[in-house]
Amino acid sequence: MRRRKAERREIQPDSRYNSVQVQSLINRVLKNGKKSLATQLVYDAFDIIGEKTGKDPLEIFNKAVENTSPRMEVRPRRIGGATYQIPMEVPAYRQFALSARWMLASVRAQTGSSFKERLAAELMKAAKNEGSAVNKKEESHRMAKANRAFSHFRY
């Protein structure tokens, strides 16, 4: 076990939108160290969003993140030989992490068009409260609601 908690690294904002969340999304798209490719894919997806909606892509992205960020989740805790699923609030940094993870997982699961088109489509769906990432969030909330009886076992 660790002696102390690992300190969280500060992420520098991206160059085009000056947003830490966009940079974090780029880092999650990243594969095999090809950061310039990941950056280009995200920016191209944002350009597609701008063309299709006529709105600011950053606003659409922020709305998508807001709609897919879970407020509650269940975490397993062992008590007296039984494992209970205990509903807990999700810290802000984890809300974004889960949101981005779920959106990218649904983008990668789809086939057909290019990655940037699928990413743009998923972000636009999430901004309208649709899509598989939103379903994942709602499932997380349903699980938390179903296990409310165990909330007094909180850490």
N, C-alpha and C. Protein backbone atom coordinates (compact mmCIF):
# COMPACT_ATOMS: atom_id res chain seq x y z
N MET A 1 0.83 -1.19 0.00
CA MET A 1 0.00 0.00 0.00
C MET A 1 0.87 1.25 0.00
N ARG A 2 0.35 2.32 -0.54
CA ARG A 2 1.11 3.57 -0.59
C ARG A 2 1.26 4.18 0.79
N ARG A 3 2.37 4.88 0.98
CA ARG A 3 2.55 5.63 2.22
C ARG A 3 1.64 6.84 2.24
N ARG A 4 1.46 7.45 1.08
CA ARG A 4 0.60 8.62 0.98
C ARG A 4 -0.07 8.63 -0.40
N LYS A 5 -1.08 9.46 -0.53
CA LYS A 5 -1.80 9.55 -1.78
C LYS A 5 -0.92 10.19 -2.85
N ALA A 6 -0.96 9.66 -4.05
CA ALA A 6 -0.20 10.24 -5.16
C ALA A 6 -0.81 11.59 -5.50
N GLU A 7 0.04 12.59 -5.69
CA GLU A 7 -0.50 13.91 -5.98
C GLU A 7 -0.98 13.98 -7.43
N ARG A 8 -2.06 14.69 -7.64
CA ARG A 8 -2.68 14.81 -8.95
C ARG A 8 -1.85 15.74 -9.84
N ARG A 9 -1.57 15.31 -11.06
CA ARG A 9 -0.79 16.14 -11.97
C ARG A 9 -1.67 17.22 -12.57
N GLU A 10 -1.10 18.38 -12.76
CA GLU A 10 -1.83 19.48 -13.37
C GLU A 10 -1.75 19.35 -14.89
N ILE A 11 -2.89 19.42 -15.56
CA ILE A 11 -2.93 19.31 -17.02
C ILE A 11 -2.94 20.72 -17.60
N GLN A 12 -2.07 20.95 -18.57
CA GLN A 12 -2.01 22.26 -19.23
C GLN A 12 -3.18 22.37 -20.22
N PRO A 13 -3.82 23.54 -20.32
CA PRO A 13 -4.94 23.69 -21.25
C PRO A 13 -4.50 23.53 -22.71
N ASP A 14 -5.44 23.16 -23.58
CA ASP A 14 -5.09 22.97 -24.99
C ASP A 14 -4.89 24.32 -25.67
N SER A 15 -4.29 24.30 -26.86
CA SER A 15 -3.89 25.54 -27.52
C SER A 15 -5.05 26.27 -28.20
N ARG A 16 -6.02 25.53 -28.75
CA ARG A 16 -7.08 26.18 -29.51
C ARG A 16 -8.18 26.76 -28.61
N TYR A 17 -8.66 25.97 -27.66
CA TYR A 17 -9.79 26.41 -26.83
C TYR A 17 -9.38 26.86 -25.43
N ASN A 18 -8.12 26.69 -25.10
CA ASN A 18 -7.58 27.06 -23.78
C ASN A 18 -8.39 26.38 -22.67
N SER A 19 -8.73 25.11 -22.88
CA SER A 19 -9.56 24.35 -21.95
C SER A 19 -8.81 23.12 -21.44
N VAL A 20 -8.83 22.94 -20.14
CA VAL A 20 -8.18 21.77 -19.53
C VAL A 20 -8.97 20.51 -19.88
N GLN A 21 -10.30 20.63 -19.94
CA GLN A 21 -11.13 19.45 -20.24
C GLN A 21 -10.91 18.96 -21.67
N VAL A 22 -10.75 19.87 -22.61
CA VAL A 22 -10.48 19.47 -24.00
C VAL A 22 -9.13 18.76 -24.06
N GLN A 23 -8.14 19.29 -23.35
CA GLN A 23 -6.81 18.66 -23.32
C GLN A 23 -6.89 17.27 -22.70
N SER A 24 -7.70 17.14 -21.67
CA SER A 24 -7.88 15.84 -21.02
C SER A 24 -8.53 14.84 -21.98
N LEU A 25 -9.50 15.31 -22.77
CA LEU A 25 -10.12 14.45 -23.78
C LEU A 25 -9.08 14.02 -24.82
N ILE A 26 -8.24 14.96 -25.25
CA ILE A 26 -7.17 14.64 -26.21
C ILE A 26 -6.26 13.56 -25.62
N ASN A 27 -5.91 13.70 -24.35
CA ASN A 27 -5.04 12.72 -23.70
C ASN A 27 -5.69 11.34 -23.65
N ARG A 28 -7.01 11.30 -23.55
CA ARG A 28 -7.71 10.02 -23.50
C ARG A 28 -7.87 9.40 -24.89
N VAL A 29 -7.93 10.24 -25.92
CA VAL A 29 -8.00 9.73 -27.30
C VAL A 29 -6.65 9.16 -27.71
N LEU A 30 -5.59 9.70 -27.11
CA LEU A 30 -4.20 9.35 -27.42
C LEU A 30 -3.95 7.84 -27.41
N LYS A 31 -3.29 7.35 -28.45
CA LYS A 31 -2.87 5.95 -28.50
C LYS A 31 -1.44 5.87 -29.00
N ASN A 32 -0.65 5.03 -28.39
CA ASN A 32 0.74 4.79 -28.79
C ASN A 32 1.58 6.06 -28.84
N GLY A 33 1.29 7.03 -28.00
CA GLY A 33 2.09 8.24 -27.91
C GLY A 33 1.92 9.22 -29.06
N LYS A 34 0.91 9.01 -29.92
CA LYS A 34 0.73 9.90 -31.08
C LYS A 34 -0.19 11.06 -30.71
N LYS A 35 0.38 12.01 -29.99
CA LYS A 35 -0.43 13.11 -29.47
C LYS A 35 -0.90 14.06 -30.57
N SER A 36 -0.06 14.31 -31.56
CA SER A 36 -0.48 15.23 -32.63
C SER A 36 -1.67 14.66 -33.40
N LEU A 37 -1.70 13.34 -33.58
CA LEU A 37 -2.83 12.70 -34.25
C LEU A 37 -4.09 12.81 -33.39
N ALA A 38 -3.95 12.56 -32.09
CA ALA A 38 -5.09 12.66 -31.17
C ALA A 38 -5.64 14.08 -31.15
N THR A 39 -4.75 15.07 -31.11
CA THR A 39 -5.16 16.47 -31.11
C THR A 39 -5.92 16.80 -32.39
N GLN A 40 -5.40 16.34 -33.53
CA GLN A 40 -6.04 16.60 -34.81
C GLN A 40 -7.42 15.97 -34.88
N LEU A 41 -7.55 14.73 -34.37
CA LEU A 41 -8.84 14.04 -34.39
C LEU A 41 -9.89 14.81 -33.59
N VAL A 42 -9.51 15.27 -32.39
CA VAL A 42 -10.45 15.99 -31.53
C VAL A 42 -10.83 17.32 -32.17
N TYR A 43 -9.85 18.06 -32.68
CA TYR A 43 -10.14 19.36 -33.30
C TYR A 43 -11.00 19.18 -34.56
N ASP A 44 -10.74 18.13 -35.35
CA ASP A 44 -11.56 17.86 -36.53
C ASP A 44 -13.00 17.54 -36.12
N ALA A 45 -13.15 16.76 -35.05
CA ALA A 45 -14.49 16.45 -34.54
C ALA A 45 -15.21 17.72 -34.11
N PHE A 46 -14.48 18.63 -33.45
CA PHE A 46 -15.06 19.90 -33.02
C PHE A 46 -15.46 20.75 -34.23
N ASP A 47 -14.64 20.70 -35.31
CA ASP A 47 -14.97 21.44 -36.54
C ASP A 47 -16.25 20.89 -37.16
N ILE A 48 -16.40 19.56 -37.15
CA ILE A 48 -17.61 18.93 -37.68
C ILE A 48 -18.83 19.38 -36.87
N ILE A 49 -18.68 19.42 -35.55
CA ILE A 49 -19.78 19.87 -34.68
C ILE A 49 -20.15 21.31 -35.02
N GLY A 50 -19.13 22.16 -35.20
CA GLY A 50 -19.36 23.56 -35.55
C GLY A 50 -20.12 23.71 -36.86
N GLU A 51 -19.75 22.89 -37.86
CA GLU A 51 -20.41 22.95 -39.16
C GLU A 51 -21.86 22.47 -39.07
N LYS A 52 -22.08 21.35 -38.38
CA LYS A 52 -23.41 20.74 -38.35
C LYS A 52 -24.40 21.52 -37.49
N THR A 53 -23.93 22.09 -36.38
CA THR A 53 -24.86 22.76 -35.46
C THR A 53 -24.87 24.27 -35.63
N GLY A 54 -23.77 24.83 -36.11
CA GLY A 54 -23.66 26.28 -36.22
C GLY A 54 -23.44 26.96 -34.88
N LYS A 55 -23.19 26.14 -33.85
CA LYS A 55 -22.94 26.69 -32.51
C LYS A 55 -21.47 26.49 -32.16
N ASP A 56 -21.07 27.07 -31.02
CA ASP A 56 -19.70 26.93 -30.54
C ASP A 56 -19.47 25.47 -30.11
N PRO A 57 -18.50 24.78 -30.70
CA PRO A 57 -18.26 23.38 -30.35
C PRO A 57 -17.92 23.19 -28.87
N LEU A 58 -17.26 24.18 -28.27
CA LEU A 58 -16.89 24.07 -26.86
C LEU A 58 -18.13 24.03 -25.98
N GLU A 59 -19.16 24.80 -26.35
CA GLU A 59 -20.43 24.78 -25.60
C GLU A 59 -21.08 23.40 -25.70
N ILE A 60 -21.09 22.84 -26.91
CA ILE A 60 -21.67 21.51 -27.13
C ILE A 60 -20.90 20.48 -26.30
N PHE A 61 -19.57 20.58 -26.32
CA PHE A 61 -18.73 19.65 -25.56
C PHE A 61 -19.03 19.75 -24.07
N ASN A 62 -19.09 20.98 -23.54
CA ASN A 62 -19.36 21.17 -22.12
C ASN A 62 -20.74 20.64 -21.74
N LYS A 63 -21.73 20.84 -22.62
CA LYS A 63 -23.08 20.33 -22.37
C LYS A 63 -23.07 18.80 -22.38
N ALA A 64 -22.32 18.22 -23.31
CA ALA A 64 -22.21 16.76 -23.40
C ALA A 64 -21.58 16.19 -22.13
N VAL A 65 -20.53 16.84 -21.65
CA VAL A 65 -19.85 16.39 -20.42
C VAL A 65 -20.81 16.50 -19.24
N GLU A 66 -21.54 17.61 -19.18
CA GLU A 66 -22.50 17.82 -18.08
C GLU A 66 -23.58 16.73 -18.09
N ASN A 67 -24.07 16.38 -19.28
CA ASN A 67 -25.15 15.38 -19.40
C ASN A 67 -24.68 13.95 -19.17
N THR A 68 -23.38 13.69 -19.29
CA THR A 68 -22.89 12.32 -19.10
C THR A 68 -22.12 12.14 -17.80
N SER A 69 -21.99 13.19 -17.00
CA SER A 69 -21.25 13.10 -15.74
C SER A 69 -22.14 12.53 -14.64
N PRO A 70 -21.74 11.41 -14.04
CA PRO A 70 -22.56 10.83 -12.97
C PRO A 70 -22.40 11.59 -11.66
N ARG A 71 -23.49 11.79 -10.95
CA ARG A 71 -23.43 12.45 -9.64
C ARG A 71 -23.22 11.42 -8.53
N MET A 72 -23.79 10.21 -8.73
CA MET A 72 -23.69 9.13 -7.74
C MET A 72 -23.22 7.86 -8.44
N GLU A 73 -22.50 7.03 -7.69
CA GLU A 73 -22.10 5.72 -8.19
C GLU A 73 -22.08 4.76 -7.02
N VAL A 74 -22.07 3.46 -7.31
CA VAL A 74 -21.97 2.48 -6.23
C VAL A 74 -20.55 1.96 -6.17
N ARG A 75 -20.07 1.76 -4.94
CA ARG A 75 -18.74 1.19 -4.73
C ARG A 75 -18.88 0.02 -3.78
N PRO A 76 -18.18 -1.07 -4.06
CA PRO A 76 -18.30 -2.24 -3.20
C PRO A 76 -17.57 -2.04 -1.87
N ARG A 77 -18.18 -2.53 -0.80
CA ARG A 77 -17.54 -2.47 0.51
C ARG A 77 -17.87 -3.75 1.25
N ARG A 78 -16.85 -4.38 1.81
CA ARG A 78 -17.03 -5.64 2.52
C ARG A 78 -17.33 -5.37 3.97
N ILE A 79 -18.44 -5.90 4.44
CA ILE A 79 -18.81 -5.74 5.84
C ILE A 79 -19.30 -7.08 6.35
N GLY A 80 -18.59 -7.62 7.33
CA GLY A 80 -19.00 -8.88 7.96
C GLY A 80 -19.18 -10.03 6.99
N GLY A 81 -18.26 -10.18 6.06
CA GLY A 81 -18.31 -11.31 5.13
C GLY A 81 -19.20 -11.09 3.92
N ALA A 82 -20.00 -10.03 3.93
CA ALA A 82 -20.86 -9.73 2.78
C ALA A 82 -20.35 -8.48 2.08
N THR A 83 -20.47 -8.45 0.77
CA THR A 83 -20.06 -7.27 0.01
C THR A 83 -21.30 -6.50 -0.39
N TYR A 84 -21.37 -5.24 0.03
CA TYR A 84 -22.50 -4.38 -0.28
C TYR A 84 -22.09 -3.35 -1.33
N GLN A 85 -23.03 -3.01 -2.19
CA GLN A 85 -22.81 -1.94 -3.15
C GLN A 85 -23.30 -0.65 -2.49
N ILE A 86 -22.38 0.23 -2.13
CA ILE A 86 -22.73 1.42 -1.37
C ILE A 86 -22.75 2.64 -2.29
N PRO A 87 -23.89 3.35 -2.34
CA PRO A 87 -23.94 4.56 -3.17
C PRO A 87 -23.10 5.68 -2.58
N MET A 88 -22.30 6.32 -3.42
CA MET A 88 -21.45 7.42 -2.97
C MET A 88 -21.48 8.54 -4.01
N GLU A 89 -21.25 9.77 -3.54
CA GLU A 89 -21.14 10.89 -4.46
C GLU A 89 -19.82 10.78 -5.22
N VAL A 90 -19.83 11.26 -6.45
CA VAL A 90 -18.64 11.19 -7.30
C VAL A 90 -17.93 12.54 -7.27
N PRO A 91 -16.63 12.57 -6.93
CA PRO A 91 -15.90 13.85 -6.95
C PRO A 91 -15.83 14.42 -8.37
N ALA A 92 -15.68 15.73 -8.48
CA ALA A 92 -15.73 16.42 -9.78
C ALA A 92 -14.71 15.87 -10.78
N TYR A 93 -13.47 15.62 -10.34
CA TYR A 93 -12.45 15.14 -11.28
C TYR A 93 -12.82 13.76 -11.82
N ARG A 94 -13.46 12.93 -10.99
CA ARG A 94 -13.87 11.59 -11.43
C ARG A 94 -15.10 11.67 -12.33
N GLN A 95 -15.97 12.65 -12.09
CA GLN A 95 -17.15 12.82 -12.94
C GLN A 95 -16.71 13.02 -14.39
N PHE A 96 -15.74 13.93 -14.59
CA PHE A 96 -15.27 14.16 -15.96
C PHE A 96 -14.57 12.93 -16.51
N ALA A 97 -13.76 12.27 -15.68
CA ALA A 97 -13.02 11.09 -16.13
C ALA A 97 -13.98 10.00 -16.61
N LEU A 98 -15.03 9.73 -15.83
CA LEU A 98 -16.01 8.71 -16.22
C LEU A 98 -16.76 9.13 -17.47
N SER A 99 -17.14 10.40 -17.52
CA SER A 99 -17.87 10.93 -18.68
C SER A 99 -17.06 10.73 -19.96
N ALA A 100 -15.80 11.15 -19.94
CA ALA A 100 -14.93 11.02 -21.12
C ALA A 100 -14.71 9.55 -21.46
N ARG A 101 -14.50 8.72 -20.45
CA ARG A 101 -14.26 7.29 -20.66
C ARG A 101 -15.46 6.64 -21.34
N TRP A 102 -16.66 6.95 -20.86
CA TRP A 102 -17.88 6.36 -21.42
C TRP A 102 -18.12 6.85 -22.85
N MET A 103 -17.91 8.14 -23.09
CA MET A 103 -18.12 8.66 -24.45
C MET A 103 -17.15 8.01 -25.43
N LEU A 104 -15.87 7.92 -25.05
CA LEU A 104 -14.88 7.34 -25.96
C LEU A 104 -15.10 5.84 -26.15
N ALA A 105 -15.56 5.16 -25.10
CA ALA A 105 -15.85 3.73 -25.23
C ALA A 105 -16.97 3.50 -26.25
N SER A 106 -17.99 4.35 -26.20
CA SER A 106 -19.10 4.18 -27.16
C SER A 106 -18.66 4.55 -28.57
N VAL A 107 -17.77 5.54 -28.69
CA VAL A 107 -17.24 5.92 -30.01
C VAL A 107 -16.41 4.78 -30.58
N ARG A 108 -15.58 4.17 -29.76
CA ARG A 108 -14.71 3.08 -30.23
C ARG A 108 -15.51 1.82 -30.54
N ALA A 109 -16.65 1.64 -29.88
CA ALA A 109 -17.47 0.45 -30.11
C ALA A 109 -18.21 0.53 -31.45
N GLN A 110 -18.47 1.74 -31.92
CA GLN A 110 -19.18 1.91 -33.20
C GLN A 110 -18.25 1.59 -34.36
N THR A 111 -18.85 1.26 -35.48
CA THR A 111 -18.05 1.02 -36.69
C THR A 111 -18.68 1.79 -37.85
N GLY A 112 -17.98 1.83 -38.94
CA GLY A 112 -18.52 2.50 -40.13
C GLY A 112 -17.72 3.72 -40.51
N SER A 113 -18.13 4.87 -39.99
CA SER A 113 -17.48 6.13 -40.38
C SER A 113 -16.16 6.32 -39.64
N SER A 114 -15.50 7.44 -39.90
CA SER A 114 -14.19 7.70 -39.29
C SER A 114 -14.35 8.06 -37.81
N PHE A 115 -13.26 7.99 -37.08
CA PHE A 115 -13.29 8.25 -35.63
C PHE A 115 -13.79 9.66 -35.34
N LYS A 116 -13.30 10.63 -36.12
CA LYS A 116 -13.69 12.02 -35.83
C LYS A 116 -15.18 12.24 -36.05
N GLU A 117 -15.76 11.59 -37.06
CA GLU A 117 -17.20 11.71 -37.31
C GLU A 117 -18.00 11.04 -36.20
N ARG A 118 -17.54 9.88 -35.76
CA ARG A 118 -18.23 9.17 -34.66
C ARG A 118 -18.14 9.96 -33.37
N LEU A 119 -16.96 10.56 -33.10
CA LEU A 119 -16.79 11.38 -31.89
C LEU A 119 -17.70 12.60 -31.94
N ALA A 120 -17.76 13.26 -33.07
CA ALA A 120 -18.64 14.43 -33.23
C ALA A 120 -20.10 14.03 -33.01
N ALA A 121 -20.50 12.90 -33.59
CA ALA A 121 -21.89 12.43 -33.45
C ALA A 121 -22.21 12.10 -31.99
N GLU A 122 -21.28 11.44 -31.31
CA GLU A 122 -21.51 11.07 -29.90
C GLU A 122 -21.60 12.31 -29.02
N LEU A 123 -20.74 13.30 -29.26
CA LEU A 123 -20.80 14.54 -28.48
C LEU A 123 -22.12 15.27 -28.71
N MET A 124 -22.58 15.30 -29.96
CA MET A 124 -23.85 15.98 -30.25
C MET A 124 -25.03 15.24 -29.62
N LYS A 125 -24.99 13.89 -29.67
CA LYS A 125 -26.04 13.09 -29.02
C LYS A 125 -26.05 13.34 -27.52
N ALA A 126 -24.86 13.33 -26.92
CA ALA A 126 -24.76 13.52 -25.46
C ALA A 126 -25.25 14.91 -25.06
N ALA A 127 -25.00 15.91 -25.91
CA ALA A 127 -25.47 17.27 -25.62
C ALA A 127 -27.00 17.33 -25.64
N LYS A 128 -27.63 16.42 -26.41
CA LYS A 128 -29.10 16.37 -26.46
C LYS A 128 -29.66 15.37 -25.45
N ASN A 129 -28.84 14.85 -24.56
CA ASN A 129 -29.23 13.86 -23.55
C ASN A 129 -29.63 12.53 -24.19
N GLU A 130 -28.90 12.13 -25.22
CA GLU A 130 -29.13 10.85 -25.88
C GLU A 130 -27.80 10.11 -25.95
N GLY A 131 -27.83 8.91 -26.49
CA GLY A 131 -26.59 8.17 -26.72
C GLY A 131 -26.24 7.22 -25.59
N SER A 132 -25.26 6.35 -25.86
CA SER A 132 -24.94 5.29 -24.90
C SER A 132 -24.22 5.81 -23.66
N ALA A 133 -23.48 6.92 -23.77
CA ALA A 133 -22.80 7.47 -22.59
C ALA A 133 -23.82 7.99 -21.58
N VAL A 134 -24.91 8.59 -22.08
CA VAL A 134 -25.97 9.08 -21.20
C VAL A 134 -26.68 7.89 -20.55
N ASN A 135 -26.88 6.80 -21.32
CA ASN A 135 -27.49 5.59 -20.77
C ASN A 135 -26.64 5.02 -19.65
N LYS A 136 -25.33 5.06 -19.83
CA LYS A 136 -24.40 4.55 -18.82
C LYS A 136 -24.54 5.36 -17.52
N LYS A 137 -24.63 6.67 -17.65
CA LYS A 137 -24.80 7.55 -16.48
C LYS A 137 -26.11 7.22 -15.77
N GLU A 138 -27.19 7.08 -16.55
CA GLU A 138 -28.49 6.78 -15.95
C GLU A 138 -28.49 5.43 -15.26
N GLU A 139 -27.77 4.46 -15.83
CA GLU A 139 -27.64 3.15 -15.19
C GLU A 139 -26.91 3.27 -13.86
N SER A 140 -25.87 4.09 -13.83
CA SER A 140 -25.11 4.33 -12.60
C SER A 140 -26.02 4.93 -11.53
N HIS A 141 -26.86 5.88 -11.93
CA HIS A 141 -27.80 6.51 -11.00
C HIS A 141 -28.87 5.53 -10.53
N ARG A 142 -29.33 4.65 -11.44
CA ARG A 142 -30.33 3.63 -11.06
C ARG A 142 -29.76 2.69 -10.02
N MET A 143 -28.49 2.27 -10.23
CA MET A 143 -27.84 1.37 -9.26
C MET A 143 -27.73 2.03 -7.90
N ALA A 144 -27.36 3.31 -7.90
CA ALA A 144 -27.22 4.05 -6.64
C ALA A 144 -28.57 4.16 -5.94
N LYS A 145 -29.61 4.40 -6.72
CA LYS A 145 -30.95 4.54 -6.14
C LYS A 145 -31.44 3.20 -5.58
N ALA A 146 -31.15 2.12 -6.30
CA ALA A 146 -31.58 0.79 -5.87
C ALA A 146 -30.89 0.37 -4.57
N ASN A 147 -29.67 0.86 -4.36
CA ASN A 147 -28.90 0.47 -3.17
C ASN A 147 -28.89 1.55 -2.09
N ARG A 148 -29.88 2.44 -2.13
CA ARG A 148 -29.94 3.52 -1.13
C ARG A 148 -29.97 2.99 0.29
N ALA A 149 -30.51 1.78 0.48
CA ALA A 149 -30.64 1.21 1.83
C ALA A 149 -29.27 1.03 2.49
N PHE A 150 -28.21 0.91 1.69
CA PHE A 150 -26.88 0.68 2.25
C PHE A 150 -26.07 1.96 2.40
N SER A 151 -26.69 3.11 2.18
CA SER A 151 -25.93 4.37 2.19
C SER A 151 -25.37 4.70 3.58
N HIS A 152 -25.92 4.09 4.64
CA HIS A 152 -25.39 4.37 5.98
C HIS A 152 -24.06 3.66 6.23
N PHE A 153 -23.61 2.81 5.30
CA PHE A 153 -22.31 2.13 5.42
C PHE A 153 -21.18 2.95 4.83
N ARG A 154 -21.43 4.21 4.50
CA ARG A 154 -20.41 5.03 3.82
C ARG A 154 -19.07 4.96 4.52
N TYR A 155 -18.02 5.23 3.77
CA TYR A 155 -16.65 5.16 4.29
C TYR A 155 -16.40 6.21 5.35
